[in-house]
Amino acid sequence: MLPSRFTVRVYGILRNERDEVLLSQEQVEKFPFTKFPGGGLEFGEGPEDCVVREFEEETGLKVFCSKHIYTSGFYIQSALDLEEQVIGIYYEVKLLDKD
């Protein structure tokens, strides 16, 4: 059965000077998973605003989007809700200056 609705998820990819990538560990119900920091797009919000908000909520870090990396171009069914099709948007993010 195909999903009846979409969910748009927006993620930030932050690299340090050693080219290491920041990942987050989360758990929904009994399901642990590793992902890039980010989350669900809210109504009235643009994807870049979403990733900045979600990144700060999850990591405490203030970032800005430096470039769009990828938007999913194929069918992805949500592992957490079989009624949802996931659209993933990925941005490279950079830390804001602390000044």
Protein backbone atom coordinates (compact mmCIF):
# COMPACT_ATOMS: atom_id res chain seq x y z
CA MET A 1 0.00 0.00 0.00
CA LEU A 2 1.33 3.44 -0.92
CA PRO A 3 1.50 6.26 1.66
CA SER A 4 -1.31 8.79 1.78
CA ARG A 5 0.76 11.84 2.80
CA PHE A 6 4.20 13.46 2.59
CA THR A 7 6.63 14.56 5.26
CA VAL A 8 9.48 16.90 4.35
CA ARG A 9 12.65 16.43 6.42
CA VAL A 10 15.52 18.91 6.20
CA TYR A 11 19.05 18.07 7.40
CA GLY A 12 22.31 19.96 7.90
CA ILE A 13 25.76 18.57 7.16
CA LEU A 14 28.43 20.26 9.28
CA ARG A 15 32.09 19.40 8.69
CA ASN A 16 35.01 20.42 10.88
CA GLU A 17 38.56 21.25 9.79
CA ARG A 18 39.43 17.50 9.77
CA ASP A 19 36.48 16.82 7.41
CA GLU A 20 34.59 14.97 10.17
CA VAL A 21 30.80 15.19 9.99
CA LEU A 22 28.51 15.87 12.96
CA LEU A 23 25.83 13.20 13.47
CA SER A 24 23.05 12.93 16.03
CA GLN A 25 21.86 9.83 17.86
CA GLU A 26 18.10 9.69 18.45
CA GLN A 27 15.49 7.22 19.52
CA VAL A 28 11.81 7.14 18.55
CA GLU A 29 9.86 4.63 20.59
CA LYS A 30 12.11 1.53 20.54
CA PHE A 31 13.99 2.50 17.39
CA PRO A 32 17.48 4.03 17.84
CA PHE A 33 18.98 5.67 14.76
CA THR A 34 21.83 7.92 13.65
CA LYS A 35 21.19 10.87 11.35
CA PHE A 36 22.35 14.33 10.40
CA PRO A 37 20.89 17.03 12.69
CA GLY A 38 17.59 18.27 11.28
CA GLY A 39 13.92 17.48 11.22
CA GLY A 40 10.46 18.24 9.96
CA LEU A 41 9.51 21.25 7.89
CA GLU A 42 6.67 23.22 9.50
CA PHE A 43 3.89 25.00 7.59
CA GLY A 44 4.92 28.54 6.66
CA GLU A 45 8.63 27.72 7.01
CA GLY A 46 11.23 27.53 4.26
CA PRO A 47 13.68 24.61 4.17
CA GLU A 48 16.70 26.76 5.03
CA ASP A 49 14.89 28.26 8.03
CA CYS A 50 13.89 24.75 9.08
CA VAL A 51 17.42 23.36 9.09
CA VAL A 52 18.74 26.36 11.03
CA ARG A 53 15.97 25.97 13.65
CA GLU A 54 16.25 22.19 13.92
CA PHE A 55 20.05 22.26 14.06
CA GLU A 56 19.99 24.66 17.01
CA GLU A 57 17.23 22.68 18.77
CA GLU A 58 19.16 19.42 18.47
CA THR A 59 22.75 20.59 18.97
CA GLY A 60 22.66 24.06 20.52
CA LEU A 61 24.80 25.30 17.61
CA LYS A 62 23.86 28.32 15.48
CA VAL A 63 24.46 27.68 11.78
CA PHE A 64 23.66 29.09 8.36
CA CYS A 65 23.10 27.26 5.08
CA SER A 66 26.08 27.56 2.76
CA LYS A 67 24.73 25.44 -0.09
CA HIS A 68 22.08 22.93 -1.10
CA ILE A 69 23.58 19.44 -1.35
CA TYR A 70 20.75 17.11 -2.34
CA THR A 71 16.98 16.58 -2.45
CA SER A 72 15.73 13.01 -2.58
CA GLY A 73 14.64 12.15 -6.09
CA PHE A 74 13.17 8.72 -5.45
CA TYR A 75 10.46 7.10 -3.34
CA ILE A 76 11.24 6.74 0.38
CA GLN A 77 8.66 5.27 2.72
CA SER A 78 8.92 6.38 6.35
CA ALA A 79 10.20 3.64 8.64
CA LEU A 80 8.28 5.21 11.53
CA ASP A 81 4.92 5.81 9.83
CA LEU A 82 3.97 3.62 6.87
CA GLU A 83 1.37 6.22 5.82
CA GLU A 84 4.11 8.77 5.04
CA GLN A 85 6.40 9.28 2.08
CA VAL A 86 9.60 11.11 3.07
CA ILE A 87 11.16 13.89 1.03
CA GLY A 88 14.67 14.62 2.31
CA ILE A 89 16.49 17.91 1.70
CA TYR A 90 20.17 18.22 2.65
CA TYR A 91 22.23 21.39 3.11
CA GLU A 92 25.85 22.03 3.90
CA VAL A 93 25.84 24.27 6.97
CA LYS A 94 28.55 26.39 8.57
CA LEU A 95 28.84 27.70 12.12
CA LEU A 96 27.89 31.32 12.66
CA ASP A 97 30.63 33.50 14.10
CA LYS A 98 30.34 33.77 17.88
CA ASP A 99 30.65 37.57 17.78
